[in-house]
Amino acid sequence: MLIAGFIMVTAGASLQANGIAKGQAAVQLPTPFCPMVGAVDMWLFAWGIIGTGLLAVPVLS
């Protein structure tokens, strides 16, 4: 729980520092992390969203 909180705070700080206070589209969100992970940032974000959706399937059933 503590690690998840730190992840959210770090992601929020990174987005705020790059001028993205509110993401109008999911495509905007991984762009500030491009210097850290390179060109694979969109793929990492997409797999994160897909993984989150797959984790939610057993809860919904």
Protein backbone atom coordinates (compact mmCIF):
# COMPACT_ATOMS: atom_id res chain seq x y z
CA MET A 1 0.00 0.00 0.00
CA LEU A 2 2.84 2.33 0.85
CA ILE A 3 4.65 1.58 -2.41
CA ALA A 4 1.49 2.26 -4.43
CA GLY A 5 1.17 5.63 -2.69
CA PHE A 6 4.75 6.54 -3.58
CA ILE A 7 4.17 5.50 -7.19
CA MET A 8 1.10 7.74 -7.43
CA VAL A 9 2.87 10.71 -5.86
CA THR A 10 5.91 10.30 -8.13
CA ALA A 11 3.78 9.96 -11.27
CA GLY A 12 1.70 12.99 -10.29
CA ALA A 13 4.80 15.07 -9.62
CA SER A 14 6.30 14.08 -12.98
CA LEU A 15 3.13 14.95 -14.85
CA GLN A 16 2.71 18.26 -13.01
CA ALA A 17 6.34 19.24 -13.68
CA ASN A 18 5.78 18.71 -17.40
CA GLY A 19 2.65 20.84 -17.49
CA ILE A 20 0.07 18.07 -17.61
CA ALA A 21 -2.25 18.87 -14.70
CA LYS A 22 -5.24 17.09 -16.21
CA GLY A 23 -4.80 14.51 -18.93
CA GLN A 24 -7.38 15.08 -21.62
CA ALA A 25 -6.46 11.81 -23.30
CA ALA A 26 -4.63 8.68 -22.24
CA VAL A 27 -2.10 9.31 -25.02
CA GLN A 28 -0.77 12.40 -23.19
CA LEU A 29 0.01 10.63 -19.93
CA PRO A 30 3.12 8.57 -20.83
CA THR A 31 4.91 11.36 -22.75
CA PRO A 32 6.71 12.93 -19.72
CA PHE A 33 8.27 9.55 -18.95
CA CYS A 34 9.87 9.26 -22.39
CA PRO A 35 13.31 10.48 -21.22
CA MET A 36 13.37 7.72 -18.58
CA VAL A 37 12.29 4.74 -20.66
CA GLY A 38 12.87 5.88 -24.23
CA ALA A 39 10.60 5.12 -27.12
CA VAL A 40 8.85 2.21 -25.43
CA ASP A 41 6.84 4.47 -23.09
CA MET A 42 3.60 4.07 -25.06
CA TRP A 43 3.95 0.28 -25.08
CA LEU A 44 4.64 0.15 -21.34
CA PHE A 45 1.64 2.35 -20.64
CA ALA A 46 -0.58 0.25 -22.92
CA TRP A 47 0.47 -3.01 -21.25
CA GLY A 48 -0.10 -1.43 -17.84
CA ILE A 49 -3.66 -0.47 -18.81
CA ILE A 50 -4.30 -3.92 -20.30
CA GLY A 51 -2.87 -5.63 -17.20
CA THR A 52 -5.05 -3.52 -14.92
CA GLY A 53 -8.10 -4.46 -16.96
CA LEU A 54 -7.21 -8.15 -16.77
CA LEU A 55 -6.80 -7.92 -13.00
CA ALA A 56 -10.29 -6.44 -12.73
CA VAL A 57 -11.99 -9.29 -14.64
CA PRO A 58 -12.09 -11.80 -11.70
CA VAL A 59 -13.44 -9.13 -9.38
CA LEU A 60 -16.26 -8.29 -11.78
CA SER A 61 -17.24 -11.93 -12.24
